[in-house]
């Protein structure tokens, strides 16, 4: 009897779920990181130009947290809805 070369592989459904989870993690990473980077740097530049440090930096970070939170909420809500 020859050994089955596929016996160490996970079932197909698990492989797809791993890809879906990695895709979700990648998407959430961008959803959280991009607003913080863009609005944080934008706020820092405004502060430097206007001499209002750290006002716009803090406002940019606060706004990015709201935007990221709403984005994550929408993504989780989308995942929970039946297709």
PDB file of N, CA and C in Angstrom:
ATOM      1  N   UNK A   1       0.846  -1.173   0.000  1.00  0.00           N
ATOM      2  CA  UNK A   1       0.000   0.000   0.000  1.00  0.00           C
ATOM      3  C   UNK A   1       0.894   1.240   0.000  1.00  0.00           C
ATOM      4  N   UNK A   2       0.629   2.173  -0.900  1.00  0.00           N
ATOM      5  CA  UNK A   2       1.443   3.383  -0.985  1.00  0.00           C
ATOM      6  C   UNK A   2       0.869   4.449  -0.066  1.00  0.00           C
ATOM      7  N   UNK A   3       1.743   5.239   0.554  1.00  0.00           N
ATOM      8  CA  UNK A   3       1.237   6.294   1.442  1.00  0.00           C
ATOM      9  C   UNK A   3       0.551   7.396   0.642  1.00  0.00           C
ATOM     10  N   UNK A   4      -0.421   7.981   1.263  1.00  0.00           N
ATOM     11  CA  UNK A   4      -1.167   9.077   0.641  1.00  0.00           C
ATOM     12  C   UNK A   4      -0.356  10.366   0.789  1.00  0.00           C
ATOM     13  N   UNK A   5       0.060  11.004  -0.318  1.00  0.00           N
ATOM     14  CA  UNK A   5       0.879  12.219  -0.196  1.00  0.00           C
ATOM     15  C   UNK A   5       0.097  13.418   0.338  1.00  0.00           C
ATOM     16  N   UNK A   6      -1.222  13.320   0.393  1.00  0.00           N
ATOM     17  CA  UNK A   6      -2.045  14.448   0.829  1.00  0.00           C
ATOM     18  C   UNK A   6      -2.518  14.321   2.273  1.00  0.00           C
ATOM     19  N   UNK A   7      -2.025  13.336   3.020  1.00  0.00           N
ATOM     20  CA  UNK A   7      -2.561  13.122   4.363  1.00  0.00           C
ATOM     21  C   UNK A   7      -2.135  14.202   5.357  1.00  0.00           C
ATOM     22  N   UNK A   8      -1.080  14.969   5.070  1.00  0.00           N
ATOM     23  CA  UNK A   8      -0.638  16.025   5.985  1.00  0.00           C
ATOM     24  C   UNK A   8      -1.302  17.367   5.709  1.00  0.00           C
ATOM     25  N   UNK A   9      -2.005  17.490   4.627  1.00  0.00           N
ATOM     26  CA  UNK A   9      -2.630  18.761   4.270  1.00  0.00           C
ATOM     27  C   UNK A   9      -3.943  18.943   5.023  1.00  0.00           C
ATOM     28  N   UNK A  10      -4.250  20.189   5.380  1.00  0.00           N
ATOM     29  CA  UNK A  10      -5.554  20.429   6.016  1.00  0.00           C
ATOM     30  C   UNK A  10      -6.664  20.302   4.984  1.00  0.00           C
ATOM     31  N   UNK A  11      -7.863  20.043   5.424  1.00  0.00           N
ATOM     32  CA  UNK A  11      -8.989  19.996   4.484  1.00  0.00           C
ATOM     33  C   UNK A  11      -9.127  21.322   3.743  1.00  0.00           C
ATOM     34  N   UNK A  12      -9.713  21.261   2.564  1.00  0.00           N
ATOM     35  CA  UNK A  12      -9.809  22.459   1.720  1.00  0.00           C
ATOM     36  C   UNK A  12     -10.523  23.615   2.416  1.00  0.00           C
ATOM     37  N   UNK A  13     -11.554  23.360   3.167  1.00  0.00           N
ATOM     38  CA  UNK A  13     -12.286  24.420   3.854  1.00  0.00           C
ATOM     39  C   UNK A  13     -11.411  25.180   4.832  1.00  0.00           C
ATOM     40  N   UNK A  14     -10.523  24.491   5.515  1.00  0.00           N
ATOM     41  CA  UNK A  14      -9.627  25.153   6.460  1.00  0.00           C
ATOM     42  C   UNK A  14      -8.600  26.009   5.738  1.00  0.00           C
ATOM     43  N   UNK A  15      -8.131  25.558   4.582  1.00  0.00           N
ATOM     44  CA  UNK A  15      -7.159  26.343   3.826  1.00  0.00           C
ATOM     45  C   UNK A  15      -7.789  27.650   3.364  1.00  0.00           C
ATOM     46  N   UNK A  16      -9.020  27.584   2.914  1.00  0.00           N
ATOM     47  CA  UNK A  16      -9.691  28.806   2.485  1.00  0.00           C
ATOM     48  C   UNK A  16      -9.958  29.731   3.660  1.00  0.00           C
ATOM     49  N   UNK A  17     -10.285  29.185   4.805  1.00  0.00           N
ATOM     50  CA  UNK A  17     -10.541  30.047   5.947  1.00  0.00           C
ATOM     51  C   UNK A  17      -9.254  30.729   6.412  1.00  0.00           C
ATOM     52  N   UNK A  18      -8.118  30.067   6.267  1.00  0.00           N
ATOM     53  CA  UNK A  18      -6.845  30.689   6.616  1.00  0.00           C
ATOM     54  C   UNK A  18      -6.560  31.868   5.691  1.00  0.00           C
ATOM     55  N   UNK A  19      -6.811  31.692   4.411  1.00  0.00           N
ATOM     56  CA  UNK A  19      -6.614  32.777   3.452  1.00  0.00           C
ATOM     57  C   UNK A  19      -7.563  33.932   3.765  1.00  0.00           C
ATOM     58  N   UNK A  20      -8.796  33.611   4.101  1.00  0.00           N
ATOM     59  CA  UNK A  20      -9.766  34.653   4.437  1.00  0.00           C
ATOM     60  C   UNK A  20      -9.339  35.402   5.699  1.00  0.00           C
ATOM     61  N   UNK A  21      -8.825  34.684   6.683  1.00  0.00           N
ATOM     62  CA  UNK A  21      -8.369  35.331   7.915  1.00  0.00           C
ATOM     63  C   UNK A  21      -7.154  36.217   7.671  1.00  0.00           C
ATOM     64  N   UNK A  22      -6.233  35.755   6.856  1.00  0.00           N
ATOM     65  CA  UNK A  22      -5.065  36.576   6.534  1.00  0.00           C
ATOM     66  C   UNK A  22      -5.472  37.822   5.755  1.00  0.00           C
ATOM     67  N   UNK A  23      -6.421  37.669   4.862  1.00  0.00           N
ATOM     68  CA  UNK A  23      -6.923  38.812   4.107  1.00  0.00           C
ATOM     69  C   UNK A  23      -7.594  39.823   5.036  1.00  0.00           C
ATOM     70  N   UNK A  24      -8.377  39.327   5.969  1.00  0.00           N
ATOM     71  CA  UNK A  24      -9.039  40.203   6.931  1.00  0.00           C
ATOM     72  C   UNK A  24      -8.019  40.933   7.800  1.00  0.00           C
ATOM     73  N   UNK A  25      -7.001  40.226   8.262  1.00  0.00           N
ATOM     74  CA  UNK A  25      -5.970  40.852   9.091  1.00  0.00           C
ATOM     75  C   UNK A  25      -5.237  41.942   8.308  1.00  0.00           C
ATOM     76  N   UNK A  26      -4.934  41.667   7.057  1.00  0.00           N
ATOM     77  CA  UNK A  26      -4.261  42.649   6.205  1.00  0.00           C
ATOM     78  C   UNK A  26      -5.147  43.886   6.014  1.00  0.00           C
ATOM     79  N   UNK A  27      -6.416  43.656   5.734  1.00  0.00           N
ATOM     80  CA  UNK A  27      -7.352  44.757   5.507  1.00  0.00           C
ATOM     81  C   UNK A  27      -7.540  45.602   6.767  1.00  0.00           C
ATOM     82  N   UNK A  28      -7.678  44.946   7.912  1.00  0.00           N
ATOM     83  CA  UNK A  28      -7.846  45.692   9.158  1.00  0.00           C
ATOM     84  C   UNK A  28      -6.582  46.471   9.511  1.00  0.00           C
ATOM     85  N   UNK A  29      -5.430  45.909   9.200  1.00  0.00           N
ATOM     86  CA  UNK A  29      -4.180  46.623   9.444  1.00  0.00           C
ATOM     87  C   UNK A  29      -4.129  47.933   8.683  1.00  0.00           C
ATOM     88  N   UNK A  30      -4.472  47.869   7.408  1.00  0.00           N
ATOM     89  CA  UNK A  30      -4.506  49.097   6.611  1.00  0.00           C
ATOM     90  C   UNK A  30      -5.601  50.042   7.086  1.00  0.00           C
ATOM     91  N   UNK A  31      -6.725  49.493   7.450  1.00  0.00           N
ATOM     92  CA  UNK A  31      -7.855  50.302   7.902  1.00  0.00           C
ATOM     93  C   UNK A  31      -7.508  51.096   9.162  1.00  0.00           C
ATOM     94  N   UNK A  32      -6.657  50.535   9.992  1.00  0.00           N
ATOM     95  CA  UNK A  32      -6.259  51.208  11.229  1.00  0.00           C
ATOM     96  C   UNK A  32      -5.033  52.092  11.013  1.00  0.00           C
ATOM     97  N   UNK A  33      -4.053  51.601  10.265  1.00  0.00           N
ATOM     98  CA  UNK A  33      -2.774  52.307  10.153  1.00  0.00           C
ATOM     99  C   UNK A  33      -2.825  53.533   9.238  1.00  0.00           C
ATOM    100  N   UNK A  34      -3.492  53.429   8.112  1.00  0.00           N
ATOM    101  CA  UNK A  34      -3.464  54.540   7.153  1.00  0.00           C
ATOM    102  C   UNK A  34      -4.025  55.848   7.706  1.00  0.00           C
ATOM    103  N   UNK A  35      -5.198  55.847   8.336  1.00  0.00           N
ATOM    104  CA  UNK A  35      -5.679  57.126   8.878  1.00  0.00           C
ATOM    105  C   UNK A  35      -4.743  57.720   9.935  1.00  0.00           C
ATOM    106  N   UNK A  36      -4.167  56.873  10.773  1.00  0.00           N
ATOM    107  CA  UNK A  36      -3.268  57.388  11.810  1.00  0.00           C
ATOM    108  C   UNK A  36      -2.034  58.020  11.183  1.00  0.00           C
ATOM    109  N   UNK A  37      -1.461  57.345  10.201  1.00  0.00           N
ATOM    110  CA  UNK A  37      -0.256  57.871   9.553  1.00  0.00           C
ATOM    111  C   UNK A  37      -0.568  59.164   8.803  1.00  0.00           C
ATOM    112  N   UNK A  38      -1.613  59.138   7.991  1.00  0.00           N
ATOM    113  CA  UNK A  38      -1.926  60.307   7.161  1.00  0.00           C
ATOM    114  C   UNK A  38      -2.337  61.506   8.019  1.00  0.00           C
ATOM    115  N   UNK A  39      -3.280  61.294   8.927  1.00  0.00           N
ATOM    116  CA  UNK A  39      -3.756  62.417   9.741  1.00  0.00           C
ATOM    117  C   UNK A  39      -2.734  62.836  10.800  1.00  0.00           C
ATOM    118  N   UNK A  40      -1.953  61.892  11.289  1.00  0.00           N
ATOM    119  CA  UNK A  40      -0.905  62.241  12.246  1.00  0.00           C
ATOM    120  C   UNK A  40       0.170  63.110  11.611  1.00  0.00           C
ATOM    121  N   UNK A  41       0.655  62.683  10.441  1.00  0.00           N
ATOM    122  CA  UNK A  41       1.660  63.491   9.737  1.00  0.00           C
ATOM    123  C   UNK A  41       1.074  64.820   9.268  1.00  0.00           C
ATOM    124  N   UNK A  42      -0.160  64.786   8.801  1.00  0.00           N
ATOM    125  CA  UNK A  42      -0.805  66.034   8.388  1.00  0.00           C
ATOM    126  C   UNK A  42      -0.935  67.009   9.545  1.00  0.00           C
ATOM    127  N   UNK A  43      -1.323  66.505  10.700  1.00  0.00           N
ATOM    128  CA  UNK A  43      -1.430  67.355  11.881  1.00  0.00           C
ATOM    129  C   UNK A  43      -0.082  67.896  12.321  1.00  0.00           C
ATOM    130  N   UNK A  44       0.945  67.057  12.240  1.00  0.00           N
ATOM    131  CA  UNK A  44       2.289  67.506  12.616  1.00  0.00           C
ATOM    132  C   UNK A  44       2.785  68.590  11.659  1.00  0.00           C
ATOM    133  N   UNK A  45       2.500  68.423  10.374  1.00  0.00           N
ATOM    134  CA  UNK A  45       2.904  69.449   9.404  1.00  0.00           C
ATOM    135  C   UNK A  45       2.172  70.764   9.651  1.00  0.00           C
ATOM    136  N   UNK A  46       0.878  70.679   9.917  1.00  0.00           N
ATOM    137  CA  UNK A  46       0.121  71.899  10.226  1.00  0.00           C
ATOM    138  C   UNK A  46       0.651  72.568  11.490  1.00  0.00           C
ATOM    139  N   UNK A  47       0.948  71.773  12.499  1.00  0.00           N
ATOM    140  CA  UNK A  47       1.496  72.332  13.737  1.00  0.00           C
ATOM    141  C   UNK A  47       2.825  73.037  13.482  1.00  0.00           C
ATOM    142  N   UNK A  48       3.661  72.432  12.668  1.00  0.00           N
ATOM    143  CA  UNK A  48       4.962  73.031  12.373  1.00  0.00           C
ATOM    144  C   UNK A  48       4.795  74.342  11.607  1.00  0.00           C
ATOM    145  N   UNK A  49       3.864  74.331  10.655  1.00  0.00           N
ATOM    146  CA  UNK A  49       3.644  75.519   9.826  1.00  0.00           C
ATOM    147  C   UNK A  49       2.988  76.654  10.617  1.00  0.00           C
ATOM    148  N   UNK A  50       2.044  76.301  11.493  1.00  0.00           N
ATOM    149  CA  UNK A  50       1.289  77.320  12.224  1.00  0.00           C
ATOM    150  C   UNK A  50       1.830  77.592  13.626  1.00  0.00           C
ATOM    151  N   UNK A  51       2.771  76.774  14.082  1.00  0.00           N
ATOM    152  CA  UNK A  51       3.330  76.951  15.420  1.00  0.00           C
ATOM    153  C   UNK A  51       2.346  76.630  16.527  1.00  0.00           C
ATOM    154  N   UNK A  52       1.503  75.651  16.312  1.00  0.00           N
ATOM    155  CA  UNK A  52       0.465  75.305  17.293  1.00  0.00           C
ATOM    156  C   UNK A  52       0.696  73.938  17.928  1.00  0.00           C
ATOM    157  N   UNK A  53       1.927  73.495  17.973  1.00  0.00           N
ATOM    158  CA  UNK A  53       2.242  72.153  18.455  1.00  0.00           C
ATOM    159  C   UNK A  53       1.685  71.922  19.854  1.00  0.00           C
ATOM    160  N   UNK A  54       1.100  70.841  20.154  1.00  0.00           N
ATOM    161  CA  UNK A  54       0.710  69.632  19.425  1.00  0.00           C
ATOM    162  C   UNK A  54      -0.773  69.595  19.068  1.00  0.00           C
ATOM    163  N   UNK A  55      -1.399  70.739  18.897  1.00  0.00           N
ATOM    164  CA  UNK A  55      -2.853  70.813  18.706  1.00  0.00           C
ATOM    165  C   UNK A  55      -3.339  69.963  17.533  1.00  0.00           C
ATOM    166  N   UNK A  56      -2.839  70.229  16.336  1.00  0.00           N
ATOM    167  CA  UNK A  56      -3.349  69.522  15.162  1.00  0.00           C
ATOM    168  C   UNK A  56      -2.879  68.066  15.115  1.00  0.00           C
ATOM    169  N   UNK A  57      -1.738  67.787  15.695  1.00  0.00           N
ATOM    170  CA  UNK A  57      -1.293  66.396  15.794  1.00  0.00           C
ATOM    171  C   UNK A  57      -2.290  65.590  16.623  1.00  0.00           C
ATOM    172  N   UNK A  58      -2.669  66.127  17.765  1.00  0.00           N
ATOM    173  CA  UNK A  58      -3.627  65.421  18.626  1.00  0.00           C
ATOM    174  C   UNK A  58      -5.005  65.337  17.981  1.00  0.00           C
ATOM    175  N   UNK A  59      -5.419  66.409  17.309  1.00  0.00           N
ATOM    176  CA  UNK A  59      -6.702  66.368  16.602  1.00  0.00           C
ATOM    177  C   UNK A  59      -6.677  65.335  15.470  1.00  0.00           C
ATOM    178  N   UNK A  60      -5.566  65.261  14.759  1.00  0.00           N
ATOM    179  CA  UNK A  60      -5.434  64.275  13.685  1.00  0.00           C
ATOM    180  C   UNK A  60      -5.485  62.853  14.212  1.00  0.00           C
ATOM    181  N   UNK A  61      -4.808  62.613  15.322  1.00  0.00           N
ATOM    182  CA  UNK A  61      -4.828  61.271  15.912  1.00  0.00           C
ATOM    183  C   UNK A  61      -6.224  60.929  16.420  1.00  0.00           C
ATOM    184  N   UNK A  62      -6.886  61.889  17.060  1.00  0.00           N
ATOM    185  CA  UNK A  62      -8.247  61.642  17.555  1.00  0.00           C
ATOM    186  C   UNK A  62      -9.203  61.348  16.398  1.00  0.00           C
ATOM    187  N   UNK A  63      -9.102  62.126  15.335  1.00  0.00           N
ATOM    188  CA  UNK A  63      -9.959  61.901  14.171  1.00  0.00           C
ATOM    189  C   UNK A  63      -9.659  60.552  13.518  1.00  0.00           C
ATOM    190  N   UNK A  64      -8.386  60.186  13.467  1.00  0.00           N
ATOM    191  CA  UNK A  64      -8.028  58.898  12.869  1.00  0.00           C
ATOM    192  C   UNK A  64      -8.549  57.732  13.703  1.00  0.00           C
ATOM    193  N   UNK A  65      -8.587  57.888  15.017  1.00  0.00           N
ATOM    194  CA  UNK A  65      -9.148  56.830  15.865  1.00  0.00           C
ATOM    195  C   UNK A  65     -10.640  56.659  15.608  1.00  0.00           C
ATOM    196  N   UNK A  66     -11.339  57.767  15.412  1.00  0.00           N
ATOM    197  CA  UNK A  66     -12.771  57.698  15.103  1.00  0.00           C
ATOM    198  C   UNK A  66     -12.983  57.033  13.744  1.00  0.00           C
ATOM    199  N   UNK A  67     -12.214  57.455  12.748  1.00  0.00           N
ATOM    200  CA  UNK A  67     -12.343  56.882  11.400  1.00  0.00           C
ATOM    201  C   UNK A  67     -12.017  55.391  11.418  1.00  0.00           C
ATOM    202  N   UNK A  68     -10.935  55.015  12.086  1.00  0.00           N
ATOM    203  CA  UNK A  68     -10.551  53.602  12.162  1.00  0.00           C
ATOM    204  C   UNK A  68     -11.595  52.787  12.911  1.00  0.00           C
ATOM    205  N   UNK A  69     -12.109  53.337  13.999  1.00  0.00           N
ATOM    206  CA  UNK A  69     -13.136  52.633  14.764  1.00  0.00           C
ATOM    207  C   UNK A  69     -14.392  52.387  13.947  1.00  0.00           C
ATOM    208  N   UNK A  70     -14.818  53.402  13.201  1.00  0.00           N
ATOM    209  CA  UNK A  70     -15.991  53.230  12.337  1.00  0.00           C
ATOM    210  C   UNK A  70     -15.725  52.210  11.237  1.00  0.00           C
ATOM    211  N   UNK A  71     -14.530  52.239  10.680  1.00  0.00           N
ATOM    212  CA  UNK A  71     -14.186  51.273   9.637  1.00  0.00           C
ATOM    213  C   UNK A  71     -14.177  49.848  10.150  1.00  0.00           C
ATOM    214  N   UNK A  72     -13.604  49.643  11.324  1.00  0.00           N
ATOM    215  CA  UNK A  72     -13.587  48.299  11.919  1.00  0.00           C
ATOM    216  C   UNK A  72     -15.009  47.859  12.260  1.00  0.00           C
ATOM    217  N   UNK A  73     -15.804  48.770  12.787  1.00  0.00           N
ATOM    218  CA  UNK A  73     -17.201  48.447  13.110  1.00  0.00           C
ATOM    219  C   UNK A  73     -17.958  48.002  11.861  1.00  0.00           C
ATOM    220  N   UNK A  74     -17.797  48.750  10.779  1.00  0.00           N
ATOM    221  CA  UNK A  74     -18.484  48.392   9.530  1.00  0.00           C
ATOM    222  C   UNK A  74     -18.011  47.043   9.001  1.00  0.00           C
ATOM    223  N   UNK A  75     -16.711  46.784   9.107  1.00  0.00           N
ATOM    224  CA  UNK A  75     -16.176  45.510   8.619  1.00  0.00           C
ATOM    225  C   UNK A  75     -16.715  44.346   9.443  1.00  0.00           C
ATOM    226  N   UNK A  76     -16.759  44.502  10.752  1.00  0.00           N
ATOM    227  CA  UNK A  76     -17.281  43.438  11.620  1.00  0.00           C
ATOM    228  C   UNK A  76     -18.770  43.237  11.365  1.00  0.00           C
ATOM    229  N   UNK A  77     -19.493  44.328  11.183  1.00  0.00           N
ATOM    230  CA  UNK A  77     -20.925  44.236  10.894  1.00  0.00           C
ATOM    231  C   UNK A  77     -21.150  43.529   9.557  1.00  0.00           C
ATOM    232  N   UNK A  78     -20.315  43.842   8.576  1.00  0.00           N
ATOM    233  CA  UNK A  78     -20.399  43.197   7.262  1.00  0.00           C
ATOM    234  C   UNK A  78     -20.120  41.701   7.367  1.00  0.00           C
ATOM    235  N   UNK A  79     -19.177  41.328   8.208  1.00  0.00           N
ATOM    236  CA  UNK A  79     -18.844  39.911   8.383  1.00  0.00           C
ATOM    237  C   UNK A  79     -19.981  39.148   9.042  1.00  0.00           C
ATOM    238  N   UNK A  80     -20.714  39.808   9.925  1.00  0.00           N
ATOM    239  CA  UNK A  80     -21.789  39.146  10.646  1.00  0.00           C
ATOM    240  C   UNK A  80     -23.068  39.008   9.852  1.00  0.00           C
ATOM    241  N   UNK A  81     -23.209  39.798   8.782  1.00  0.00           N
ATOM    242  CA  UNK A  81     -24.443  39.728   8.004  1.00  0.00           C
ATOM    243  C   UNK A  81     -24.408  38.516   7.076  1.00  0.00           C
ATOM    244  N   UNK A  82     -25.536  37.821   6.962  1.00  0.00           N
ATOM    245  CA  UNK A  82     -25.575  36.649   6.082  1.00  0.00           C
ATOM    246  C   UNK A  82     -25.473  37.066   4.620  1.00  0.00           C
ATOM    247  N   UNK A  83     -24.840  36.210   3.841  1.00  0.00           N
ATOM    248  CA  UNK A  83     -24.672  36.512   2.409  1.00  0.00           C
ATOM    249  C   UNK A  83     -25.643  35.730   1.579  1.00  0.00           C
TER     250      UNK A  83
END
